[in-house]
Amino acid sequence: MMKASVASVQVTKVNPQGVLRQPDLVSVEEPLEIRLVHGPAGERVKQPVAITMRTPGHDFELAMGFLFTEGIVANATDIVHMRYCTETEMPEAWQNTLMVDLRPGMEVNLSSLERNFYISSSCGVCGKRAIEALKTFAGREALSPKSHQVKRQTLCKLPLVLRQRQAVFEHTGSLHGCAFFTFDGQIHLLREDVGRHNALDKLIGACMANNSVNMSESILILSGRVSFELIQKAAMARVPVVVAVGAPSSLAVQTANDLGMTLVGFLAHDRFNVYSHHQRIELNM
């Protein structure tokens, strides 16, 4: 049975007509672990090479394209067979691990895979495992349930401020932006990049370098959608509130809930959706 590409979540819808709790749909995000089977005939070895977060569907095409663009295979004939791994006691993870059999005897160079991907030797990946790994890596408890509160009117002003301060985006229209704000709406710092993960890395790195922003008492705004990786980076910086003009994925919502983080999506000048821990937002006008 194929995994779904969308999931239903409960959201608190806030608009000029009022506040309403109702179901909504988000894109599913789950990890896909790619494992290679390679080596001479009779001496085949299994080797996990990468985990990438994706929406389920077209996984074989994803794996082939990934291995080609990373220089592992030169063409489709280098891949003998692909299958999902069932060597785990967790059926829900069977379609999150993909075994790729390469042509016997072909040389495999994995040095390019050391960047931008999680490396794992465990069998059977699922969203729960990803969140538990994040908790373990962070080594900290969930965020305080109520440190500060932000007014809904203040929250709705942030996208315009972000757009006005995105100097490069104003000229190109193609860059992601992110910024830290105070709870009363004052901007701390902004960074842009063609990759949303890179933009957030730059922002966090700048705060670490000059130690001028207390990220654990700030609001993070993102110019696009919210994926697990972005919530992960925010969690490492102990950011209590993440808001975005785009939609969150299912795993982003689940992670924010588990880590005690307030997550807001579809933020506009008069409306937004709260996906987790709404207590940090003053919802009344």
Protein backbone atom coordinates (compact mmCIF):
# COMPACT_ATOMS: atom_id res chain seq x y z
CA MET A 1 0.00 0.00 0.00
CA MET A 2 1.52 3.29 -1.13
CA LYS A 3 2.03 6.09 1.36
CA ALA A 4 -0.18 9.16 1.04
CA SER A 5 1.25 12.45 -0.18
CA VAL A 6 -1.12 14.59 1.92
CA ALA A 7 -2.18 14.41 5.57
CA SER A 8 -5.00 15.93 7.61
CA VAL A 9 -4.16 18.04 10.66
CA GLN A 10 -6.18 20.19 13.05
CA VAL A 11 -5.49 23.91 12.76
CA THR A 12 -6.72 27.07 14.43
CA LYS A 13 -7.82 29.35 11.58
CA VAL A 14 -7.58 33.06 12.38
CA ASN A 15 -9.19 35.59 10.01
CA PRO A 16 -11.29 38.78 10.18
CA GLN A 17 -14.41 36.67 10.79
CA GLY A 18 -13.02 35.07 13.94
CA VAL A 19 -11.10 32.08 15.27
CA LEU A 20 -12.10 28.59 14.15
CA ARG A 21 -10.69 25.15 14.94
CA GLN A 22 -11.01 22.80 11.95
CA PRO A 23 -9.15 20.17 9.89
CA ASP A 24 -6.79 21.13 7.08
CA LEU A 25 -4.52 19.33 4.62
CA VAL A 26 -0.71 19.50 4.57
CA SER A 27 1.86 17.85 2.34
CA VAL A 28 3.37 14.72 3.85
CA GLU A 29 7.09 14.85 4.58
CA GLU A 30 8.98 11.72 5.55
CA PRO A 31 12.59 10.57 5.31
CA LEU A 32 13.72 8.27 2.53
CA GLU A 33 16.90 6.34 3.22
CA ILE A 34 18.83 5.22 0.14
CA ARG A 35 21.02 2.13 0.49
CA LEU A 36 23.40 0.80 -2.11
CA VAL A 37 24.19 -2.84 -2.80
CA HIS A 38 27.53 -2.87 -4.60
CA GLY A 39 30.81 -4.68 -5.07
CA PRO A 40 32.05 -7.66 -7.11
CA ALA A 41 29.79 -10.67 -7.63
CA GLY A 42 29.97 -12.89 -4.56
CA GLU A 43 31.28 -10.00 -2.41
CA ARG A 44 28.28 -7.68 -2.42
CA VAL A 45 27.93 -5.22 0.46
CA LYS A 46 24.95 -3.16 1.66
CA GLN A 47 25.73 0.44 2.50
CA PRO A 48 23.44 3.27 3.62
CA VAL A 49 24.44 6.42 1.74
CA ALA A 50 21.87 9.13 2.46
CA ILE A 51 18.57 10.12 3.99
CA THR A 52 16.63 12.89 2.32
CA MET A 53 13.29 14.35 3.38
CA ARG A 54 10.62 14.00 0.72
CA THR A 55 6.91 13.70 -0.04
CA PRO A 56 6.24 9.99 -0.72
CA GLY A 57 5.75 9.08 -4.36
CA HIS A 58 8.06 8.46 -7.33
CA ASP A 59 10.74 7.24 -4.92
CA PHE A 60 12.54 5.11 -7.52
CA GLU A 61 12.84 8.11 -9.83
CA LEU A 62 14.04 10.21 -6.91
CA ALA A 63 16.74 7.67 -6.04
CA MET A 64 17.93 7.33 -9.61
CA GLY A 65 18.07 11.08 -10.15
CA PHE A 66 19.87 11.56 -6.85
CA LEU A 67 22.50 8.91 -7.63
CA PHE A 68 23.02 10.35 -11.11
CA THR A 69 23.36 13.99 -10.05
CA GLU A 70 25.72 12.96 -7.24
CA GLY A 71 27.94 11.13 -9.71
CA ILE A 72 27.34 7.64 -8.30
CA VAL A 73 25.85 6.24 -11.49
CA ALA A 74 26.42 7.32 -15.08
CA ASN A 75 23.19 5.99 -16.56
CA ALA A 76 20.18 3.81 -15.79
CA THR A 77 21.98 0.62 -16.77
CA ASP A 78 24.27 0.99 -13.74
CA ILE A 79 21.22 0.17 -11.60
CA VAL A 80 20.26 -3.49 -11.73
CA HIS A 81 17.29 -3.42 -9.35
CA MET A 82 15.50 -1.24 -6.80
CA ARG A 83 13.21 -2.33 -3.98
CA TYR A 84 11.87 -1.16 -0.64
CA CYS A 85 13.56 -2.61 2.42
CA THR A 86 11.39 -4.94 4.52
CA GLU A 87 14.26 -5.97 6.80
CA THR A 88 12.68 -4.24 9.75
CA GLU A 89 10.00 -5.05 12.31
CA MET A 90 8.23 -1.73 11.62
CA PRO A 91 5.91 -2.10 8.60
CA GLU A 92 5.24 1.65 8.62
CA ALA A 93 8.90 2.22 7.70
CA TRP A 94 9.11 -0.31 4.86
CA GLN A 95 8.52 2.31 2.17
CA ASN A 96 10.98 4.74 3.76
CA THR A 97 14.08 2.67 3.00
CA LEU A 98 15.08 1.95 -0.58
CA MET A 99 17.63 -0.69 -1.63
CA VAL A 100 19.44 0.05 -4.90
CA ASP A 101 21.43 -2.81 -6.48
CA LEU A 102 24.27 -1.50 -8.64
CA ARG A 103 25.93 -3.31 -11.52
CA PRO A 104 28.43 -5.87 -10.12
CA GLY A 105 32.02 -4.73 -10.29
CA MET A 106 31.36 -1.04 -11.01
CA GLU A 107 33.45 1.45 -9.08
CA VAL A 108 31.53 3.51 -6.52
CA ASN A 109 32.75 6.89 -5.26
CA LEU A 110 30.75 8.05 -2.24
CA SER A 111 32.87 11.07 -1.28
CA SER A 112 30.33 13.52 -2.75
CA LEU A 113 27.64 12.25 -0.37
CA GLU A 114 29.27 13.75 2.71
CA ARG A 115 27.43 17.05 2.22
CA ASN A 116 23.85 18.04 3.00
CA PHE A 117 22.51 14.59 3.90
CA TYR A 118 21.93 12.56 7.03
CA ILE A 119 23.97 9.37 7.11
CA SER A 120 22.40 6.45 8.95
CA SER A 121 23.24 2.78 9.49
CA SER A 122 19.90 1.82 11.02
CA CYS A 123 17.23 -0.05 9.11
CA GLY A 124 13.72 1.32 8.92
CA VAL A 125 13.31 5.06 8.99
CA CYS A 126 10.11 6.89 9.85
CA GLY A 127 9.02 10.34 10.95
CA LYS A 128 9.01 9.30 14.61
CA ARG A 129 12.63 8.13 14.34
CA ALA A 130 13.63 11.44 12.75
CA ILE A 131 12.08 13.43 15.60
CA GLU A 132 13.59 11.20 18.27
CA ALA A 133 16.99 11.56 16.61
CA LEU A 134 16.56 15.33 16.70
CA LYS A 135 15.67 15.28 20.40
CA THR A 136 18.68 13.12 21.17
CA PHE A 137 21.02 15.27 19.11
CA ALA A 138 19.75 18.50 20.63
CA GLY A 139 20.05 16.93 24.07
CA ARG A 140 17.49 19.28 25.56
CA GLU A 141 13.94 19.21 26.86
CA ALA A 142 10.96 20.71 25.07
CA LEU A 143 10.63 24.48 24.94
CA SER A 144 8.90 26.32 27.75
CA PRO A 145 5.16 26.31 27.00
CA LYS A 146 4.78 30.06 27.48
CA SER A 147 7.77 32.37 27.55
CA HIS A 148 6.40 35.43 25.74
CA GLN A 149 3.26 36.25 23.79
CA VAL A 150 2.94 38.05 20.47
CA LYS A 151 -0.20 39.95 19.43
CA ARG A 152 -1.93 38.71 16.29
CA GLN A 153 -1.78 42.22 14.80
CA THR A 154 1.99 42.28 15.31
CA LEU A 155 2.36 38.85 13.74
CA CYS A 156 0.45 39.87 10.63
CA LYS A 157 2.82 42.80 10.00
CA LEU A 158 5.97 40.63 9.82
CA PRO A 159 5.70 39.41 6.17
CA LEU A 160 5.57 42.98 4.84
CA VAL A 161 8.58 43.99 6.93
CA LEU A 162 10.47 40.93 5.73
CA ARG A 163 9.66 41.64 2.08
CA GLN A 164 10.60 45.32 2.40
CA ARG A 165 13.95 44.39 3.95
CA GLN A 166 14.81 41.68 1.39
CA ALA A 167 17.09 43.83 -0.75
CA VAL A 168 18.25 41.09 -3.11
CA PHE A 169 14.77 39.59 -3.52
CA GLU A 170 13.51 43.01 -4.59
CA HIS A 171 15.76 42.80 -7.63
CA THR A 172 15.66 39.07 -8.43
CA GLY A 173 12.36 37.76 -7.04
CA SER A 174 14.02 34.37 -6.57
CA LEU A 175 15.60 34.31 -3.13
CA HIS A 176 14.35 32.89 0.14
CA GLY A 177 14.55 35.14 3.16
CA CYS A 178 14.35 34.66 6.91
CA ALA A 179 14.65 36.96 9.88
CA PHE A 180 14.50 37.13 13.65
CA PHE A 181 12.00 39.53 15.25
CA THR A 182 11.31 40.55 18.82
CA PHE A 183 7.90 39.68 20.26
CA ASP A 184 6.82 43.31 19.78
CA GLY A 185 7.64 43.21 16.08
CA GLN A 186 11.10 44.78 15.87
CA ILE A 187 13.45 43.15 13.37
CA HIS A 188 16.75 41.83 14.70
CA LEU A 189 18.53 40.43 11.67
CA LEU A 190 17.76 39.16 8.15
CA ARG A 191 19.54 36.88 5.69
CA GLU A 192 18.77 35.77 2.12
CA ASP A 193 19.87 32.85 -0.03
CA VAL A 194 18.73 30.88 -3.05
CA GLY A 195 18.19 27.92 -0.68
CA ARG A 196 15.90 28.34 2.30
CA HIS A 197 18.10 26.03 4.39
CA ASN A 198 21.15 28.12 3.49
CA ALA A 199 19.36 31.35 4.39
CA LEU A 200 18.51 30.01 7.85
CA ASP A 201 22.04 28.69 8.36
CA LYS A 202 23.38 32.15 7.52
CA LEU A 203 20.95 33.81 9.93
CA ILE A 204 21.76 31.47 12.82
CA GLY A 205 25.48 31.69 12.07
CA ALA A 206 25.38 35.49 12.11
CA CYS A 207 23.64 35.45 15.49
CA MET A 208 26.23 33.03 16.84
CA ALA A 209 29.13 35.08 15.47
CA ASN A 210 28.18 38.43 16.97
CA ASN A 211 26.09 37.14 19.90
CA SER A 212 23.72 40.08 19.42
CA VAL A 213 20.42 38.18 19.25
CA ASN A 214 18.88 35.91 21.86
CA MET A 215 17.34 33.37 19.48
CA SER A 216 15.48 31.63 22.33
CA GLU A 217 13.44 34.82 22.84
CA SER A 218 12.83 35.62 19.19
CA ILE A 219 10.31 34.95 16.44
CA LEU A 220 11.67 33.36 13.27
CA ILE A 221 9.90 34.19 10.00
CA LEU A 222 10.43 32.22 6.79
CA SER A 223 9.53 33.44 3.31
CA GLY A 224 8.42 30.05 1.99
CA ARG A 225 7.11 26.69 3.12
CA VAL A 226 8.22 24.95 6.33
CA SER A 227 9.94 21.57 6.13
CA PHE A 228 11.27 19.29 8.85
CA GLU A 229 14.84 20.48 8.23
CA LEU A 230 13.91 24.09 8.94
CA ILE A 231 12.12 23.16 12.16
CA GLN A 232 15.16 21.08 13.08
CA LYS A 233 17.50 24.05 12.65
CA ALA A 234 15.15 26.31 14.60
CA ALA A 235 14.92 23.71 17.38
CA MET A 236 18.69 23.55 17.68
CA ALA A 237 18.67 27.33 18.18
CA ARG A 238 15.84 27.00 20.75
CA VAL A 239 13.53 29.28 18.76
CA PRO A 240 10.06 29.27 20.42
CA VAL A 241 7.98 30.64 17.51
CA VAL A 242 8.38 29.90 13.80
CA VAL A 243 6.09 31.66 11.33
CA ALA A 244 5.98 31.33 7.54
CA VAL A 245 4.12 32.77 4.59
CA GLY A 246 3.84 29.25 3.14
CA ALA A 247 2.56 25.88 4.28
CA PRO A 248 4.18 23.44 6.71
CA SER A 249 4.63 19.74 6.01
CA SER A 250 3.14 17.03 8.20
CA LEU A 251 6.50 16.23 9.80
CA ALA A 252 7.15 19.91 10.49
CA VAL A 253 3.81 20.11 12.35
CA GLN A 254 4.50 16.90 14.27
CA THR A 255 8.02 18.01 15.21
CA ALA A 256 6.90 21.46 16.37
CA ASN A 257 4.18 19.85 18.49
CA ASP A 258 6.60 17.39 20.07
CA LEU A 259 9.25 20.04 20.78
CA GLY A 260 6.88 22.59 22.29
CA MET A 261 7.33 25.07 19.43
CA THR A 262 4.66 27.43 18.11
CA LEU A 263 4.28 26.97 14.35
CA VAL A 264 2.30 29.37 12.14
CA GLY A 265 1.70 29.01 8.41
CA PHE A 266 0.02 30.99 5.62
CA LEU A 267 0.85 34.22 7.44
CA ALA A 268 -0.64 37.25 5.66
CA HIS A 269 -1.68 40.79 6.55
CA ASP A 270 -4.99 39.70 8.10
CA ARG A 271 -4.88 35.92 8.59
CA PHE A 272 -2.81 32.88 9.48
CA ASN A 273 -3.07 29.26 10.63
CA VAL A 274 -1.65 28.08 13.96
CA TYR A 275 -0.50 24.46 13.76
CA SER A 276 0.96 23.98 17.24
CA HIS A 277 1.13 25.59 20.70
CA HIS A 278 -1.11 28.62 20.04
CA GLN A 279 -0.70 29.83 23.64
CA ARG A 280 2.21 32.09 22.60
CA ILE A 281 -0.15 34.14 20.42
CA GLU A 282 -2.80 36.58 21.67
CA LEU A 283 -5.62 35.48 19.37
CA ASN A 284 -8.15 38.13 20.37
CA MET A 285 -8.25 41.47 18.55
